[in-house]
PDB file of N, CA and C in Angstrom:
ATOM      1  N   MET A   1      58.242 102.945 112.241  1.00  0.00           N
ATOM      2  CA  MET A   1      58.403 103.097 111.082  1.00  0.00           C
ATOM      3  C   MET A   1      59.723 104.169 111.227  1.00  0.00           C
ATOM      4  N   ASN A   2      59.717 104.442 111.646  1.00  0.00           N
ATOM      5  CA  ASN A   2      61.423 105.945 111.116  1.00  0.00           C
ATOM      6  C   ASN A   2      62.062 104.750 111.707  1.00  0.00           C
ATOM      7  N   THR A   3      62.483 103.666 112.557  1.00  0.00           N
ATOM      8  CA  THR A   3      64.090 102.723 112.916  1.00  0.00           C
ATOM      9  C   THR A   3      63.622 101.345 111.648  1.00  0.00           C
ATOM     10  N   GLU A   4      62.437 101.305 110.669  1.00  0.00           N
ATOM     11  CA  GLU A   4      62.676 100.802 109.637  1.00  0.00           C
ATOM     12  C   GLU A   4      63.969 101.569 108.782  1.00  0.00           C
ATOM     13  N   ARG A   5      63.138 102.932 108.842  1.00  0.00           N
ATOM     14  CA  ARG A   5      63.588 103.931 107.876  1.00  0.00           C
ATOM     15  C   ARG A   5      64.835 103.863 107.912  1.00  0.00           C
ATOM     16  N   ASN A   6      65.370 103.797 109.125  1.00  0.00           N
ATOM     17  CA  ASN A   6      67.168 104.297 109.638  1.00  0.00           C
ATOM     18  C   ASN A   6      67.414 103.018 109.123  1.00  0.00           C
ATOM     19  N   ALA A   7      66.973 102.224 109.429  1.00  0.00           N
ATOM     20  CA  ALA A   7      67.809 100.717 108.803  1.00  0.00           C
ATOM     21  C   ALA A   7      68.296 100.253 107.590  1.00  0.00           C
ATOM     22  N   GLU A   8      66.993 101.117 106.776  1.00  0.00           N
ATOM     23  CA  GLU A   8      67.445 100.591 104.948  1.00  0.00           C
ATOM     24  C   GLU A   8      68.151 101.824 105.041  1.00  0.00           C
ATOM     25  N   ASP A   9      68.616 102.740 105.534  1.00  0.00           N
ATOM     26  CA  ASP A   9      69.576 104.154 105.305  1.00  0.00           C
ATOM     27  C   ASP A   9      71.051 103.972 105.468  1.00  0.00           C
ATOM     28  N   ARG A  10      70.966 102.926 106.379  1.00  0.00           N
ATOM     29  CA  ARG A  10      72.499 102.594 107.106  1.00  0.00           C
ATOM     30  C   ARG A  10      73.286 102.116 105.572  1.00  0.00           C
ATOM     31  N   PRO A  11      72.930 100.882 105.450  1.00  0.00           N
ATOM     32  CA  PRO A  11      73.491 100.227 103.876  1.00  0.00           C
ATOM     33  C   PRO A  11      73.949 101.062 102.885  1.00  0.00           C
ATOM     34  N   LEU A  12      73.553 102.235 102.186  1.00  0.00           N
ATOM     35  CA  LEU A  12      73.430 103.606 101.837  1.00  0.00           C
ATOM     36  C   LEU A  12      74.177 104.075 101.970  1.00  0.00           C
ATOM     37  N   ARG A  13      74.517 104.396 103.117  1.00  0.00           N
ATOM     38  CA  ARG A  13      75.338 105.662 104.306  1.00  0.00           C
ATOM     39  C   ARG A  13      76.726 105.237 104.385  1.00  0.00           C
ATOM     40  N   GLN A  14      76.505 103.979 104.776  1.00  0.00           N
ATOM     41  CA  GLN A  14      78.286 102.807 104.699  1.00  0.00           C
ATOM     42  C   GLN A  14      79.102 103.187 103.021  1.00  0.00           C
ATOM     43  N   LEU A  15      77.606 102.908 101.946  1.00  0.00           N
ATOM     44  CA  LEU A  15      78.091 102.611 100.513  1.00  0.00           C
ATOM     45  C   LEU A  15      78.714 103.861 100.347  1.00  0.00           C
ATOM     46  N   SER A  16      78.307 105.325 100.518  1.00  0.00           N
ATOM     47  CA  SER A  16      78.470 106.740 100.467  1.00  0.00           C
ATOM     48  C   SER A  16      80.032 106.421 101.140  1.00  0.00           C
ATOM     49  N   ASP A  17      79.965 106.095 102.546  1.00  0.00           N
ATOM     50  CA  ASP A  17      80.902 107.181 102.763  1.00  0.00           C
ATOM     51  C   ASP A  17      82.609 106.270 102.127  1.00  0.00           C
ATOM     52  N   THR A  18      81.989 105.077 102.417  1.00  0.00           N
ATOM     53  CA  THR A  18      83.319 104.208 100.803  1.00  0.00           C
ATOM     54  C   THR A  18      83.498 104.471 100.145  1.00  0.00           C
ATOM     55  N   LEU A  19      82.716 105.174  98.920  1.00  0.00           N
ATOM     56  CA  LEU A  19      82.902 105.940  98.140  1.00  0.00           C
ATOM     57  C   LEU A  19      83.475 107.071  97.914  1.00  0.00           C
ATOM     58  N   GLN A  20      83.055 108.137  99.066  1.00  0.00           N
ATOM     59  CA  GLN A  20      83.953 108.958  99.107  1.00  0.00           C
ATOM     60  C   GLN A  20      84.841 108.721  99.727  1.00  0.00           C
ATOM     61  N   THR A  21      85.934 107.589 100.193  1.00  0.00           N
ATOM     62  CA  THR A  21      87.039 107.448 100.705  1.00  0.00           C
ATOM     63  C   THR A  21      87.391 107.324  99.268  1.00  0.00           C
ATOM     64  N   ASP A  22      87.361 106.239  98.702  1.00  0.00           N
ATOM     65  CA  ASP A  22      87.175 105.827  97.106  1.00  0.00           C
ATOM     66  C   ASP A  22      88.124 106.689  96.507  1.00  0.00           C
ATOM     67  N   LEU A  23      86.849 107.661  96.329  1.00  0.00           N
ATOM     68  CA  LEU A  23      87.160 108.911  95.656  1.00  0.00           C
ATOM     69  C   LEU A  23      88.796 109.856  95.458  1.00  0.00           C
ATOM     70  N   ALA A  24      88.580 109.867  97.456  1.00  0.00           N
ATOM     71  CA  ALA A  24      89.887 110.777  97.766  1.00  0.00           C
ATOM     72  C   ALA A  24      91.096 110.447  97.181  1.00  0.00           C
ATOM     73  N   MET A  25      91.143 108.772  97.430  1.00  0.00           N
ATOM     74  CA  MET A  25      92.508 108.074  96.866  1.00  0.00           C
ATOM     75  C   MET A  25      92.839 108.612  95.909  1.00  0.00           C
ATOM     76  N   VAL A  26      91.492 107.892  95.124  1.00  0.00           N
ATOM     77  CA  VAL A  26      91.798 108.205  93.397  1.00  0.00           C
ATOM     78  C   VAL A  26      92.490 109.856  93.022  1.00  0.00           C
ATOM     79  N   ARG A  27      91.980 111.390  93.406  1.00  0.00           N
ATOM     80  CA  ARG A  27      92.234 112.127  93.552  1.00  0.00           C
ATOM     81  C   ARG A  27      93.749 112.180  93.733  1.00  0.00           C
ATOM     82  N   SER A  28      93.918 111.600  94.742  1.00  0.00           N
ATOM     83  CA  SER A  28      95.289 111.869  95.522  1.00  0.00           C
ATOM     84  C   SER A  28      96.191 110.953  94.421  1.00  0.00           C
ATOM     85  N   THR A  29      96.178 109.616  94.026  1.00  0.00           N
ATOM     86  CA  THR A  29      96.673 109.487  93.725  1.00  0.00           C
ATOM     87  C   THR A  29      96.772 109.758  91.862  1.00  0.00           C
ATOM     88  N   ALA A  30      95.840 110.002  91.187  1.00  0.00           N
ATOM     89  CA  ALA A  30      95.859 111.130  90.592  1.00  0.00           C
ATOM     90  C   ALA A  30      96.673 112.213  90.629  1.00  0.00           C
ATOM     91  N   THR A  31      96.807 112.714  91.161  1.00  0.00           N
ATOM     92  CA  THR A  31      97.567 114.521  91.807  1.00  0.00           C
ATOM     93  C   THR A  31      99.014 113.572  91.680  1.00  0.00           C
ATOM     94  N   ASP A  32      99.723 112.820  92.274  1.00  0.00           N
ATOM     95  CA  ASP A  32     100.736 112.342  92.579  1.00  0.00           C
ATOM     96  C   ASP A  32     101.547 112.269  91.650  1.00  0.00           C
ATOM     97  N   LEU A  33     100.541 111.053  89.995  1.00  0.00           N
ATOM     98  CA  LEU A  33     100.758 110.588  88.644  1.00  0.00           C
ATOM     99  C   LEU A  33     101.255 112.370  88.062  1.00  0.00           C
ATOM    100  N   GLU A  34      99.969 112.691  88.297  1.00  0.00           N
ATOM    101  CA  GLU A  34     100.839 114.096  87.934  1.00  0.00           C
ATOM    102  C   GLU A  34     101.446 115.167  87.737  1.00  0.00           C
ATOM    103  N   ARG A  35     102.068 115.077  88.976  1.00  0.00           N
ATOM    104  CA  ARG A  35     103.749 116.191  89.523  1.00  0.00           C
ATOM    105  C   ARG A  35     104.065 114.858  88.859  1.00  0.00           C
ATOM    106  N   GLN A  36     104.475 114.014  89.238  1.00  0.00           N
ATOM    107  CA  GLN A  36     105.532 112.373  88.827  1.00  0.00           C
ATOM    108  C   GLN A  36     105.457 112.823  87.299  1.00  0.00           C
ATOM    109  N   VAL A  37     104.768 112.658  86.340  1.00  0.00           N
ATOM    110  CA  VAL A  37     104.675 113.194  84.773  1.00  0.00           C
ATOM    111  C   VAL A  37     105.073 114.817  84.568  1.00  0.00           C
ATOM    112  N   GLN A  38     104.912 116.069  85.530  1.00  0.00           N
ATOM    113  CA  GLN A  38     105.251 116.964  85.205  1.00  0.00           C
ATOM    114  C   GLN A  38     107.276 117.021  85.913  1.00  0.00           C
ATOM    115  N   THR A  39     107.154 116.676  86.577  1.00  0.00           N
ATOM    116  CA  THR A  39     108.469 116.738  87.115  1.00  0.00           C
ATOM    117  C   THR A  39     109.397 116.227  85.554  1.00  0.00           C
ATOM    118  N   PHE A  40     109.176 114.474  85.890  1.00  0.00           N
ATOM    119  CA  PHE A  40     109.401 114.167  84.399  1.00  0.00           C
ATOM    120  C   PHE A  40     109.489 115.406  82.848  1.00  0.00           C
ATOM    121  N   ILE A  41     108.894 115.910  82.497  1.00  0.00           N
ATOM    122  CA  ILE A  41     108.439 116.096  81.583  1.00  0.00           C
ATOM    123  C   ILE A  41     109.732 117.793  81.600  1.00  0.00           C
ATOM    124  N   GLU A  42     109.584 118.962  83.249  1.00  0.00           N
ATOM    125  CA  GLU A  42     110.719 119.226  83.025  1.00  0.00           C
ATOM    126  C   GLU A  42     112.271 118.850  83.148  1.00  0.00           C
ATOM    127  N   GLU A  43     112.137 117.732  83.926  1.00  0.00           N
ATOM    128  CA  GLU A  43     113.290 117.184  83.684  1.00  0.00           C
ATOM    129  C   GLU A  43     114.245 116.483  82.539  1.00  0.00           C
ATOM    130  N   ARG A  44     113.215 116.511  81.241  1.00  0.00           N
ATOM    131  CA  ARG A  44     113.619 115.256  80.144  1.00  0.00           C
ATOM    132  C   ARG A  44     112.777 115.801  79.147  1.00  0.00           C
ATOM    133  N   PRO A  45     112.785 117.168  78.914  1.00  0.00           N
ATOM    134  CA  PRO A  45     111.939 117.602  77.468  1.00  0.00           C
ATOM    135  C   PRO A  45     112.389 116.782  76.684  1.00  0.00           C
ATOM    136  N   VAL A  46     113.804 116.416  76.467  1.00  0.00           N
ATOM    137  CA  VAL A  46     113.020 115.490  74.760  1.00  0.00           C
ATOM    138  C   VAL A  46     112.854 113.875  75.102  1.00  0.00           C
ATOM    139  N   ALA A  47     113.213 113.275  76.194  1.00  0.00           N
ATOM    140  CA  ALA A  47     112.875 112.020  76.205  1.00  0.00           C
ATOM    141  C   ALA A  47     111.151 112.166  76.261  1.00  0.00           C
ATOM    142  N   ALA A  48     110.811 113.467  77.233  1.00  0.00           N
ATOM    143  CA  ALA A  48     109.103 113.733  76.743  1.00  0.00           C
ATOM    144  C   ALA A  48     108.616 113.747  75.713  1.00  0.00           C
ATOM    145  N   VAL A  49     108.422 114.016  74.874  1.00  0.00           N
ATOM    146  CA  VAL A  49     108.675 114.260  73.253  1.00  0.00           C
ATOM    147  C   VAL A  49     108.540 113.156  72.606  1.00  0.00           C
ATOM    148  N   LEU A  50     109.760 112.137  72.991  1.00  0.00           N
ATOM    149  CA  LEU A  50     109.879 111.826  72.013  1.00  0.00           C
ATOM    150  C   LEU A  50     109.146 110.215  72.540  1.00  0.00           C
ATOM    151  N   THR A  51     108.801 110.091  73.785  1.00  0.00           N
ATOM    152  CA  THR A  51     107.694 109.351  74.709  1.00  0.00           C
ATOM    153  C   THR A  51     106.077 109.209  74.007  1.00  0.00           C
ATOM    154  N   ALA A  52     105.985 110.358  73.935  1.00  0.00           N
ATOM    155  CA  ALA A  52     105.004 111.149  73.190  1.00  0.00           C
ATOM    156  C   ALA A  52     105.054 110.481  72.110  1.00  0.00           C
ATOM    157  N   LEU A  53     106.050 110.289  71.206  1.00  0.00           N
ATOM    158  CA  LEU A  53     105.533 110.764  69.668  1.00  0.00           C
ATOM    159  C   LEU A  53     105.458 108.976  69.735  1.00  0.00           C
ATOM    160  N   GLY A  54     106.327 108.061  70.580  1.00  0.00           N
ATOM    161  CA  GLY A  54     106.295 106.846  69.866  1.00  0.00           C
ATOM    162  C   GLY A  54     104.494 106.192  70.811  1.00  0.00           C
ATOM    163  N   LEU A  55     104.165 106.476  71.655  1.00  0.00           N
ATOM    164  CA  LEU A  55     103.070 106.109  71.918  1.00  0.00           C
ATOM    165  C   LEU A  55     101.844 106.795  70.601  1.00  0.00           C
ATOM    166  N   GLY A  56     101.787 107.779  70.563  1.00  0.00           N
ATOM    167  CA  GLY A  56     101.044 108.420  68.904  1.00  0.00           C
ATOM    168  C   GLY A  56     101.274 107.197  68.529  1.00  0.00           C
ATOM    169  N   PHE A  57     102.535 106.935  68.049  1.00  0.00           N
ATOM    170  CA  PHE A  57     102.377 106.418  66.831  1.00  0.00           C
ATOM    171  C   PHE A  57     101.510 104.650  67.143  1.00  0.00           C
ATOM    172  N   VAL A  58     102.019 103.955  68.138  1.00  0.00           N
ATOM    173  CA  VAL A  58     101.129 102.864  69.386  1.00  0.00           C
ATOM    174  C   VAL A  58     100.183 102.931  68.676  1.00  0.00           C
ATOM    175  N   VAL A  59      98.749 104.332  69.170  1.00  0.00           N
ATOM    176  CA  VAL A  59      97.996 104.280  69.897  1.00  0.00           C
ATOM    177  C   VAL A  59      97.313 104.667  67.816  1.00  0.00           C
ATOM    178  N   ALA A  60      97.601 104.532  67.141  1.00  0.00           N
ATOM    179  CA  ALA A  60      98.072 105.359  65.922  1.00  0.00           C
ATOM    180  C   ALA A  60      97.205 103.754  64.811  1.00  0.00           C
ATOM    181  N   ARG A  61      98.690 102.576  65.368  1.00  0.00           N
ATOM    182  CA  ARG A  61      98.534 101.377  64.296  1.00  0.00           C
ATOM    183  C   ARG A  61      97.214 100.846  65.306  1.00  0.00           C
ATOM    184  N   ILE A  62      97.486 101.128  66.250  1.00  0.00           N
ATOM    185  CA  ILE A  62      96.280 100.116  66.548  1.00  0.00           C
ATOM    186  C   ILE A  62      95.014 100.188  66.293  1.00  0.00           C
ATOM    187  N   PHE A  63      94.546 101.961  65.824  1.00  0.00           N
ATOM    188  CA  PHE A  63      93.344 102.005  65.292  1.00  0.00           C
ATOM    189  C   PHE A  63      93.369 102.023  63.960  1.00  0.00           C
ATOM    190  N   THR A  64      94.695 101.869  62.666  1.00  0.00           N
ATOM    191  CA  THR A  64      93.952 101.538  61.752  1.00  0.00           C
ATOM    192  C   THR A  64      94.773  99.961  61.132  1.00  0.00           C
ATOM    193  N   ARG A  65      94.227  99.675  62.410  1.00  0.00           N
ATOM    194  CA  ARG A  65      94.565  97.925  61.855  1.00  0.00           C
ATOM    195  C   ARG A  65      93.168  97.791  61.182  1.00  0.00           C
ATOM    196  N   ARG A  66      93.573  96.544  59.775  1.00  0.00           N
ATOM    197  CA  ARG A  66      92.801  96.244  59.130  1.00  0.00           C
ATOM    198  C   ARG A  66      92.529  94.377  59.426  1.00  0.00           C
TER     199      ARG A  66
END
């Protein structure tokens, strides 16, 4: 009975390991993206503000369409 239980838990353990690995990769990618955005803002503050305004305009147009 104990061996049956271990056999049933094995796929769940593999799934858990896979999800933990994937989550670590997502966190790493998000951290890299955050650094890139921060560097862009620090190096080009005017372009960053204009980009934010442009994106805000586009989002507003999308949500106010009739």
